[in-house]
mmCIF file of all heavy atoms, coordinates in Angstrom:
data_MODEL
# 
_entry.id   MODEL 
# 
loop_
_atom_site.group_PDB 
_atom_site.id 
_atom_site.type_symbol 
_atom_site.label_atom_id 
_atom_site.label_alt_id 
_atom_site.label_comp_id 
_atom_site.label_asym_id 
_atom_site.label_entity_id 
_atom_site.label_seq_id 
_atom_site.pdbx_PDB_ins_code 
_atom_site.Cartn_x 
_atom_site.Cartn_y 
_atom_site.Cartn_z 
_atom_site.occupancy 
_atom_site.B_iso_or_equiv 
_atom_site.pdbx_formal_charge 
_atom_site.auth_seq_id 
_atom_site.auth_comp_id 
_atom_site.auth_asym_id 
_atom_site.auth_atom_id 
_atom_site.pdbx_PDB_model_num 
ATOM 1   N N   . SER A 1 1  ? 92.388  99.144  113.827 1.00 0.00 ? 1  SER A N   1 
ATOM 2   C CA  . SER A 1 1  ? 93.738  99.022  114.365 1.00 0.00 ? 1  SER A CA  1 
ATOM 3   C C   . SER A 1 1  ? 94.278  97.769  113.745 1.00 0.00 ? 1  SER A C   1 
ATOM 4   O O   . SER A 1 1  ? 93.488  96.737  113.528 1.00 0.00 ? 1  SER A O   1 
ATOM 5   C CB  . SER A 1 1  ? 93.632  98.791  115.881 1.00 0.00 ? 1  SER A CB  1 
ATOM 6   O OG  . SER A 1 1  ? 94.933  98.717  116.401 1.00 0.00 ? 1  SER A OG  1 
ATOM 7   N N   . PHE A 1 2  ? 95.544  97.875  113.280 1.00 0.00 ? 2  PHE A N   1 
ATOM 8   C CA  . PHE A 1 2  ? 96.255  96.692  112.775 1.00 0.00 ? 2  PHE A CA  1 
ATOM 9   C C   . PHE A 1 2  ? 97.532  96.344  113.541 1.00 0.00 ? 2  PHE A C   1 
ATOM 10  O O   . PHE A 1 2  ? 98.160  97.215  113.999 1.00 0.00 ? 2  PHE A O   1 
ATOM 11  C CB  . PHE A 1 2  ? 96.512  97.035  111.264 1.00 0.00 ? 2  PHE A CB  1 
ATOM 12  C CG  . PHE A 1 2  ? 95.459  97.395  110.318 1.00 0.00 ? 2  PHE A CG  1 
ATOM 13  C CD1 . PHE A 1 2  ? 94.956  98.729  110.246 1.00 0.00 ? 2  PHE A CD1 1 
ATOM 14  C CD2 . PHE A 1 2  ? 94.685  96.479  109.767 1.00 0.00 ? 2  PHE A CD2 1 
ATOM 15  C CE1 . PHE A 1 2  ? 93.887  99.062  109.644 1.00 0.00 ? 2  PHE A CE1 1 
ATOM 16  C CE2 . PHE A 1 2  ? 93.592  96.853  108.839 1.00 0.00 ? 2  PHE A CE2 1 
ATOM 17  C CZ  . PHE A 1 2  ? 93.241  97.996  108.783 1.00 0.00 ? 2  PHE A CZ  1 
ATOM 18  N N   . ALA A 1 3  ? 97.820  95.106  113.664 1.00 0.00 ? 3  ALA A N   1 
ATOM 19  C CA  . ALA A 1 3  ? 99.036  94.793  114.338 1.00 0.00 ? 3  ALA A CA  1 
ATOM 20  C C   . ALA A 1 3  ? 100.225 95.000  113.313 1.00 0.00 ? 3  ALA A C   1 
ATOM 21  O O   . ALA A 1 3  ? 100.118 94.956  112.125 1.00 0.00 ? 3  ALA A O   1 
ATOM 22  C CB  . ALA A 1 3  ? 98.968  93.254  114.646 1.00 0.00 ? 3  ALA A CB  1 
ATOM 23  N N   . MET A 1 4  ? 101.237 95.467  114.054 1.00 0.00 ? 4  MET A N   1 
ATOM 24  C CA  . MET A 1 4  ? 102.518 95.756  113.265 1.00 0.00 ? 4  MET A CA  1 
ATOM 25  C C   . MET A 1 4  ? 102.888 94.534  112.504 1.00 0.00 ? 4  MET A C   1 
ATOM 26  O O   . MET A 1 4  ? 102.983 93.378  112.995 1.00 0.00 ? 4  MET A O   1 
ATOM 27  C CB  . MET A 1 4  ? 103.689 96.029  114.357 1.00 0.00 ? 4  MET A CB  1 
ATOM 28  C CG  . MET A 1 4  ? 104.895 96.559  113.739 1.00 0.00 ? 4  MET A CG  1 
ATOM 29  S SD  . MET A 1 4  ? 104.833 97.975  112.875 1.00 0.00 ? 4  MET A SD  1 
ATOM 30  C CE  . MET A 1 4  ? 106.543 98.302  112.172 1.00 0.00 ? 4  MET A CE  1 
ATOM 31  N N   . GLY A 1 5  ? 103.174 94.712  111.224 1.00 0.00 ? 5  GLY A N   1 
ATOM 32  C CA  . GLY A 1 5  ? 103.590 93.603  110.318 1.00 0.00 ? 5  GLY A CA  1 
ATOM 33  C C   . GLY A 1 5  ? 102.482 92.908  109.524 1.00 0.00 ? 5  GLY A C   1 
ATOM 34  O O   . GLY A 1 5  ? 102.724 92.094  108.709 1.00 0.00 ? 5  GLY A O   1 
ATOM 35  N N   . SER A 1 6  ? 101.185 93.357  109.779 1.00 0.00 ? 6  SER A N   1 
ATOM 36  C CA  . SER A 1 6  ? 100.087 92.893  109.116 1.00 0.00 ? 6  SER A CA  1 
ATOM 37  C C   . SER A 1 6  ? 99.901  93.604  107.765 1.00 0.00 ? 6  SER A C   1 
ATOM 38  O O   . SER A 1 6  ? 100.685 94.416  107.481 1.00 0.00 ? 6  SER A O   1 
ATOM 39  C CB  . SER A 1 6  ? 98.807  92.920  110.008 1.00 0.00 ? 6  SER A CB  1 
ATOM 40  O OG  . SER A 1 6  ? 98.552  94.216  110.260 1.00 0.00 ? 6  SER A OG  1 
ATOM 41  N N   . GLN A 1 7  ? 98.991  93.127  106.954 1.00 0.00 ? 7  GLN A N   1 
ATOM 42  C CA  . GLN A 1 7  ? 98.732  93.639  105.588 1.00 0.00 ? 7  GLN A CA  1 
ATOM 43  C C   . GLN A 1 7  ? 97.391  94.077  105.390 1.00 0.00 ? 7  GLN A C   1 
ATOM 44  O O   . GLN A 1 7  ? 96.415  93.397  106.019 1.00 0.00 ? 7  GLN A O   1 
ATOM 45  C CB  . GLN A 1 7  ? 99.185  92.699  104.515 1.00 0.00 ? 7  GLN A CB  1 
ATOM 46  C CG  . GLN A 1 7  ? 100.736 92.391  104.509 1.00 0.00 ? 7  GLN A CG  1 
ATOM 47  C CD  . GLN A 1 7  ? 101.053 91.215  103.615 1.00 0.00 ? 7  GLN A CD  1 
ATOM 48  O OE1 . GLN A 1 7  ? 100.556 89.973  103.839 1.00 0.00 ? 7  GLN A OE1 1 
ATOM 49  N NE2 . GLN A 1 7  ? 101.880 91.556  102.732 1.00 0.00 ? 7  GLN A NE2 1 
ATOM 50  N N   . ALA A 1 8  ? 97.085  95.190  104.763 1.00 0.00 ? 8  ALA A N   1 
ATOM 51  C CA  . ALA A 1 8  ? 95.770  95.598  104.374 1.00 0.00 ? 8  ALA A CA  1 
ATOM 52  C C   . ALA A 1 8  ? 95.824  96.233  103.029 1.00 0.00 ? 8  ALA A C   1 
ATOM 53  O O   . ALA A 1 8  ? 96.931  97.003  102.772 1.00 0.00 ? 8  ALA A O   1 
ATOM 54  C CB  . ALA A 1 8  ? 95.166  96.505  105.447 1.00 0.00 ? 8  ALA A CB  1 
ATOM 55  N N   . TYR A 1 9  ? 94.906  96.075  102.205 1.00 0.00 ? 9  TYR A N   1 
ATOM 56  C CA  . TYR A 1 9  ? 95.099  96.542  100.718 1.00 0.00 ? 9  TYR A CA  1 
ATOM 57  C C   . TYR A 1 9  ? 93.889  97.444  100.418 1.00 0.00 ? 9  TYR A C   1 
ATOM 58  O O   . TYR A 1 9  ? 92.899  97.524  100.719 1.00 0.00 ? 9  TYR A O   1 
ATOM 59  C CB  . TYR A 1 9  ? 94.946  95.383  99.736  1.00 0.00 ? 9  TYR A CB  1 
ATOM 60  C CG  . TYR A 1 9  ? 95.936  94.233  100.122 1.00 0.00 ? 9  TYR A CG  1 
ATOM 61  C CD1 . TYR A 1 9  ? 95.521  92.965  100.552 1.00 0.00 ? 9  TYR A CD1 1 
ATOM 62  C CD2 . TYR A 1 9  ? 97.335  94.440  100.022 1.00 0.00 ? 9  TYR A CD2 1 
ATOM 63  C CE1 . TYR A 1 9  ? 96.390  92.066  100.823 1.00 0.00 ? 9  TYR A CE1 1 
ATOM 64  C CE2 . TYR A 1 9  ? 98.145  93.427  100.365 1.00 0.00 ? 9  TYR A CE2 1 
ATOM 65  C CZ  . TYR A 1 9  ? 97.709  92.198  100.735 1.00 0.00 ? 9  TYR A CZ  1 
ATOM 66  O OH  . TYR A 1 9  ? 98.547  91.236  101.071 1.00 0.00 ? 9  TYR A OH  1 
ATOM 67  N N   . ILE A 1 10 ? 94.508  98.474  99.368  1.00 0.00 ? 10 ILE A N   1 
ATOM 68  C CA  . ILE A 1 10 ? 93.572  99.144  98.612  1.00 0.00 ? 10 ILE A CA  1 
ATOM 69  C C   . ILE A 1 10 ? 93.285  98.125  97.423  1.00 0.00 ? 10 ILE A C   1 
ATOM 70  O O   . ILE A 1 10 ? 94.204  97.818  96.605  1.00 0.00 ? 10 ILE A O   1 
ATOM 71  C CB  . ILE A 1 10 ? 94.130  100.569 97.998  1.00 0.00 ? 10 ILE A CB  1 
ATOM 72  C CG1 . ILE A 1 10 ? 94.454  101.498 99.175  1.00 0.00 ? 10 ILE A CG1 1 
ATOM 73  C CG2 . ILE A 1 10 ? 93.094  101.076 96.957  1.00 0.00 ? 10 ILE A CG2 1 
ATOM 74  C CD1 . ILE A 1 10 ? 95.115  102.682 98.643  1.00 0.00 ? 10 ILE A CD1 1 
ATOM 75  N N   . ALA A 1 11 ? 92.097  97.713  97.283  1.00 0.00 ? 11 ALA A N   1 
ATOM 76  C CA  . ALA A 1 11 ? 91.850  96.569  96.442  1.00 0.00 ? 11 ALA A CA  1 
ATOM 77  C C   . ALA A 1 11 ? 90.894  96.855  95.272  1.00 0.00 ? 11 ALA A C   1 
ATOM 78  O O   . ALA A 1 11 ? 90.694  95.919  94.414  1.00 0.00 ? 11 ALA A O   1 
ATOM 79  C CB  . ALA A 1 11 ? 91.393  95.397  97.239  1.00 0.00 ? 11 ALA A CB  1 
ATOM 80  N N   . GLY A 1 12 ? 90.445  98.168  95.141  1.00 0.00 ? 12 GLY A N   1 
ATOM 81  C CA  . GLY A 1 12 ? 89.627  98.427  94.011  1.00 0.00 ? 12 GLY A CA  1 
ATOM 82  C C   . GLY A 1 12 ? 89.336  99.904  93.995  1.00 0.00 ? 12 GLY A C   1 
ATOM 83  O O   . GLY A 1 12 ? 89.577  100.670 95.035  1.00 0.00 ? 12 GLY A O   1 
ATOM 84  N N   . ALA A 1 13 ? 89.035  100.434 92.845  1.00 0.00 ? 13 ALA A N   1 
ATOM 85  C CA  . ALA A 1 13 ? 88.774  101.819 92.726  1.00 0.00 ? 13 ALA A CA  1 
ATOM 86  C C   . ALA A 1 13 ? 87.889  102.100 91.474  1.00 0.00 ? 13 ALA A C   1 
ATOM 87  O O   . ALA A 1 13 ? 87.882  101.222 90.497  1.00 0.00 ? 13 ALA A O   1 
ATOM 88  C CB  . ALA A 1 13 ? 90.081  102.637 92.558  1.00 0.00 ? 13 ALA A CB  1 
ATOM 89  N N   . GLU A 1 14 ? 87.059  102.943 91.578  1.00 0.00 ? 14 GLU A N   1 
ATOM 90  C CA  . GLU A 1 14 ? 85.998  103.221 90.407  1.00 0.00 ? 14 GLU A CA  1 
ATOM 91  C C   . GLU A 1 14 ? 85.777  104.624 90.389  1.00 0.00 ? 14 GLU A C   1 
ATOM 92  O O   . GLU A 1 14 ? 85.671  105.374 91.354  1.00 0.00 ? 14 GLU A O   1 
ATOM 93  C CB  . GLU A 1 14 ? 84.818  102.504 90.840  1.00 0.00 ? 14 GLU A CB  1 
ATOM 94  C CG  . GLU A 1 14 ? 83.655  102.734 89.740  1.00 0.00 ? 14 GLU A CG  1 
ATOM 95  C CD  . GLU A 1 14 ? 82.384  102.060 90.148  1.00 0.00 ? 14 GLU A CD  1 
ATOM 96  O OE1 . GLU A 1 14 ? 82.440  100.770 90.428  1.00 0.00 ? 14 GLU A OE1 1 
ATOM 97  O OE2 . GLU A 1 14 ? 81.358  102.644 90.005  1.00 0.00 ? 14 GLU A OE2 1 
ATOM 98  N N   . ILE A 1 15 ? 85.654  105.281 89.164  1.00 0.00 ? 15 ILE A N   1 
ATOM 99  C CA  . ILE A 1 15 ? 85.189  106.486 88.894  1.00 0.00 ? 15 ILE A CA  1 
ATOM 100 C C   . ILE A 1 15 ? 84.060  106.472 87.736  1.00 0.00 ? 15 ILE A C   1 
ATOM 101 O O   . ILE A 1 15 ? 84.143  105.613 86.895  1.00 0.00 ? 15 ILE A O   1 
ATOM 102 C CB  . ILE A 1 15 ? 86.259  107.602 88.528  1.00 0.00 ? 15 ILE A CB  1 
ATOM 103 C CG1 . ILE A 1 15 ? 86.903  107.297 87.177  1.00 0.00 ? 15 ILE A CG1 1 
ATOM 104 C CG2 . ILE A 1 15 ? 87.358  107.714 89.519  1.00 0.00 ? 15 ILE A CG2 1 
ATOM 105 C CD1 . ILE A 1 15 ? 87.787  108.406 86.617  1.00 0.00 ? 15 ILE A CD1 1 
ATOM 106 N N   . GLU A 1 16 ? 83.283  107.394 87.769  1.00 0.00 ? 16 GLU A N   1 
ATOM 107 C CA  . GLU A 1 16 ? 82.277  107.604 86.740  1.00 0.00 ? 16 GLU A CA  1 
ATOM 108 C C   . GLU A 1 16 ? 82.545  109.004 86.091  1.00 0.00 ? 16 GLU A C   1 
ATOM 109 O O   . GLU A 1 16 ? 82.737  109.979 86.792  1.00 0.00 ? 16 GLU A O   1 
ATOM 110 C CB  . GLU A 1 16 ? 80.817  107.624 87.231  1.00 0.00 ? 16 GLU A CB  1 
ATOM 111 C CG  . GLU A 1 16 ? 80.273  106.372 87.673  1.00 0.00 ? 16 GLU A CG  1 
ATOM 112 C CD  . GLU A 1 16 ? 80.710  106.031 89.155  1.00 0.00 ? 16 GLU A CD  1 
ATOM 113 O OE1 . GLU A 1 16 ? 80.384  106.770 89.902  1.00 0.00 ? 16 GLU A OE1 1 
ATOM 114 O OE2 . GLU A 1 16 ? 81.231  104.831 89.323  1.00 0.00 ? 16 GLU A OE2 1 
ATOM 115 N N   . THR A 1 17 ? 82.698  108.997 84.822  1.00 0.00 ? 17 THR A N   1 
ATOM 116 C CA  . THR A 1 17 ? 82.903  110.164 84.016  1.00 0.00 ? 17 THR A CA  1 
ATOM 117 C C   . THR A 1 17 ? 81.848  110.513 82.947  1.00 0.00 ? 17 THR A C   1 
ATOM 118 O O   . THR A 1 17 ? 80.989  109.576 82.628  1.00 0.00 ? 17 THR A O   1 
ATOM 119 C CB  . THR A 1 17 ? 84.236  109.987 83.230  1.00 0.00 ? 17 THR A CB  1 
ATOM 120 O OG1 . THR A 1 17 ? 84.168  108.924 82.313  1.00 0.00 ? 17 THR A OG1 1 
ATOM 121 C CG2 . THR A 1 17 ? 85.485  109.737 84.193  1.00 0.00 ? 17 THR A CG2 1 
ATOM 122 N N   . TYR A 1 18 ? 81.797  111.611 82.527  1.00 0.00 ? 18 TYR A N   1 
ATOM 123 C CA  . TYR A 1 18 ? 80.797  112.026 81.370  1.00 0.00 ? 18 TYR A CA  1 
ATOM 124 C C   . TYR A 1 18 ? 81.759  112.778 80.348  1.00 0.00 ? 18 TYR A C   1 
ATOM 125 O O   . TYR A 1 18 ? 82.757  113.293 80.599  1.00 0.00 ? 18 TYR A O   1 
ATOM 126 C CB  . TYR A 1 18 ? 79.794  112.897 81.894  1.00 0.00 ? 18 TYR A CB  1 
ATOM 127 C CG  . TYR A 1 18 ? 80.304  114.320 82.478  1.00 0.00 ? 18 TYR A CG  1 
ATOM 128 C CD1 . TYR A 1 18 ? 80.359  115.389 81.486  1.00 0.00 ? 18 TYR A CD1 1 
ATOM 129 C CD2 . TYR A 1 18 ? 80.692  114.489 83.775  1.00 0.00 ? 18 TYR A CD2 1 
ATOM 130 C CE1 . TYR A 1 18 ? 80.756  116.622 82.015  1.00 0.00 ? 18 TYR A CE1 1 
ATOM 131 C CE2 . TYR A 1 18 ? 80.968  115.692 84.199  1.00 0.00 ? 18 TYR A CE2 1 
ATOM 132 C CZ  . TYR A 1 18 ? 81.193  116.867 83.327  1.00 0.00 ? 18 TYR A CZ  1 
ATOM 133 O OH  . TYR A 1 18 ? 81.734  118.019 83.811  1.00 0.00 ? 18 TYR A OH  1 
ATOM 134 N N   . LYS A 1 19 ? 81.172  112.771 79.072  1.00 0.00 ? 19 LYS A N   1 
ATOM 135 C CA  . LYS A 1 19 ? 81.795  113.427 77.956  1.00 0.00 ? 19 LYS A CA  1 
ATOM 136 C C   . LYS A 1 19 ? 80.629  113.911 76.982  1.00 0.00 ? 19 LYS A C   1 
ATOM 137 O O   . LYS A 1 19 ? 79.721  113.194 76.808  1.00 0.00 ? 19 LYS A O   1 
ATOM 138 C CB  . LYS A 1 19 ? 82.880  112.537 77.193  1.00 0.00 ? 19 LYS A CB  1 
ATOM 139 C CG  . LYS A 1 19 ? 82.286  111.253 76.671  1.00 0.00 ? 19 LYS A CG  1 
ATOM 140 C CD  . LYS A 1 19 ? 83.330  110.319 75.950  1.00 0.00 ? 19 LYS A CD  1 
ATOM 141 C CE  . LYS A 1 19 ? 82.673  109.118 75.477  1.00 0.00 ? 19 LYS A CE  1 
ATOM 142 N NZ  . LYS A 1 19 ? 83.729  108.288 74.580  1.00 0.00 ? 19 LYS A NZ  1 
ATOM 143 N N   . ASN A 1 20 ? 80.807  115.090 76.408  1.00 0.00 ? 20 ASN A N   1 
ATOM 144 C CA  . ASN A 1 20 ? 79.757  115.606 75.517  1.00 0.00 ? 20 ASN A CA  1 
ATOM 145 C C   . ASN A 1 20 ? 80.627  116.442 74.401  1.00 0.00 ? 20 ASN A C   1 
ATOM 146 O O   . ASN A 1 20 ? 81.657  116.897 74.529  1.00 0.00 ? 20 ASN A O   1 
ATOM 147 C CB  . ASN A 1 20 ? 78.881  116.592 76.313  1.00 0.00 ? 20 ASN A CB  1 
ATOM 148 C CG  . ASN A 1 20 ? 78.112  115.851 77.379  1.00 0.00 ? 20 ASN A CG  1 
ATOM 149 O OD1 . ASN A 1 20 ? 77.319  115.001 77.094  1.00 0.00 ? 20 ASN A OD1 1 
ATOM 150 N ND2 . ASN A 1 20 ? 78.304  116.136 78.721  1.00 0.00 ? 20 ASN A ND2 1 
ATOM 151 N N   . SER A 1 21 ? 79.814  116.623 73.382  1.00 0.00 ? 21 SER A N   1 
ATOM 152 C CA  . SER A 1 21 ? 80.114  117.566 72.280  1.00 0.00 ? 21 SER A CA  1 
ATOM 153 C C   . SER A 1 21 ? 81.540  117.310 71.787  1.00 0.00 ? 21 SER A C   1 
ATOM 154 O O   . SER A 1 21 ? 82.380  118.273 71.601  1.00 0.00 ? 21 SER A O   1 
ATOM 155 C CB  . SER A 1 21 ? 79.927  119.119 72.715  1.00 0.00 ? 21 SER A CB  1 
ATOM 156 O OG  . SER A 1 21 ? 78.692  119.169 73.157  1.00 0.00 ? 21 SER A OG  1 
ATOM 157 N N   . GLY A 1 22 ? 81.922  116.116 71.413  1.00 0.00 ? 22 GLY A N   1 
ATOM 158 C CA  . GLY A 1 22 ? 83.235  115.791 70.870  1.00 0.00 ? 22 GLY A CA  1 
ATOM 159 C C   . GLY A 1 22 ? 84.302  115.659 71.920  1.00 0.00 ? 22 GLY A C   1 
ATOM 160 O O   . GLY A 1 22 ? 85.408  115.189 71.445  1.00 0.00 ? 22 GLY A O   1 
ATOM 161 N N   . SER A 1 23 ? 84.019  115.926 73.195  1.00 0.00 ? 23 SER A N   1 
ATOM 162 C CA  . SER A 1 23 ? 85.103  115.689 74.151  1.00 0.00 ? 23 SER A CA  1 
ATOM 163 C C   . SER A 1 23 ? 85.281  114.235 74.383  1.00 0.00 ? 23 SER A C   1 
ATOM 164 O O   . SER A 1 23 ? 84.387  113.409 74.193  1.00 0.00 ? 23 SER A O   1 
ATOM 165 C CB  . SER A 1 23 ? 84.807  116.384 75.407  1.00 0.00 ? 23 SER A CB  1 
ATOM 166 O OG  . SER A 1 23 ? 84.716  117.754 75.252  1.00 0.00 ? 23 SER A OG  1 
ATOM 167 N N   . ASP A 1 24 ? 86.416  113.802 74.921  1.00 0.00 ? 24 ASP A N   1 
ATOM 168 C CA  . ASP A 1 24 ? 86.783  112.317 75.125  1.00 0.00 ? 24 ASP A CA  1 
ATOM 169 C C   . ASP A 1 24 ? 87.517  112.215 76.545  1.00 0.00 ? 24 ASP A C   1 
ATOM 170 O O   . ASP A 1 24 ? 88.462  112.908 76.705  1.00 0.00 ? 24 ASP A O   1 
ATOM 171 C CB  . ASP A 1 24 ? 87.382  111.792 74.070  1.00 0.00 ? 24 ASP A CB  1 
ATOM 172 C CG  . ASP A 1 24 ? 87.531  110.305 74.085  1.00 0.00 ? 24 ASP A CG  1 
ATOM 173 O OD1 . ASP A 1 24 ? 86.723  109.558 74.758  1.00 0.00 ? 24 ASP A OD1 1 
ATOM 174 O OD2 . ASP A 1 24 ? 88.381  109.603 73.508  1.00 0.00 ? 24 ASP A OD2 1 
ATOM 175 N N   . VAL A 1 25 ? 87.217  111.204 77.267  1.00 0.00 ? 25 VAL A N   1 
ATOM 176 C CA  . VAL A 1 25 ? 87.927  110.825 78.523  1.00 0.00 ? 25 VAL A CA  1 
ATOM 177 C C   . VAL A 1 25 ? 88.921  109.865 78.032  1.00 0.00 ? 25 VAL A C   1 
ATOM 178 O O   . VAL A 1 25 ? 88.433  108.751 77.461  1.00 0.00 ? 25 VAL A O   1 
ATOM 179 C CB  . VAL A 1 25 ? 87.037  110.467 79.621  1.00 0.00 ? 25 VAL A CB  1 
ATOM 180 C CG1 . VAL A 1 25 ? 87.898  110.008 80.778  1.00 0.00 ? 25 VAL A CG1 1 
ATOM 181 C CG2 . VAL A 1 25 ? 86.001  111.474 80.036  1.00 0.00 ? 25 VAL A CG2 1 
ATOM 182 N N   . THR A 1 26 ? 90.257  109.987 78.328  1.00 0.00 ? 26 THR A N   1 
ATOM 183 C CA  . THR A 1 26 ? 91.354  109.162 77.800  1.00 0.00 ? 26 THR A CA  1 
ATOM 184 C C   . THR A 1 26 ? 92.010  108.162 78.849  1.00 0.00 ? 26 THR A C   1 
ATOM 185 O O   . THR A 1 26 ? 92.684  107.298 78.580  1.00 0.00 ? 26 THR A O   1 
ATOM 186 C CB  . THR A 1 26 ? 92.385  109.994 77.199  1.00 0.00 ? 26 THR A CB  1 
ATOM 187 O OG1 . THR A 1 26 ? 92.811  110.924 78.241  1.00 0.00 ? 26 THR A OG1 1 
ATOM 188 C CG2 . THR A 1 26 ? 91.811  110.781 75.989  1.00 0.00 ? 26 THR A CG2 1 
# 
């Protein structure tokens, strides 16, 4: 629960990817 007017953040994100046979993640 957060008080009206307060702040909370999405402060980070991470993904893991794979690539094979000439494919590329861009």
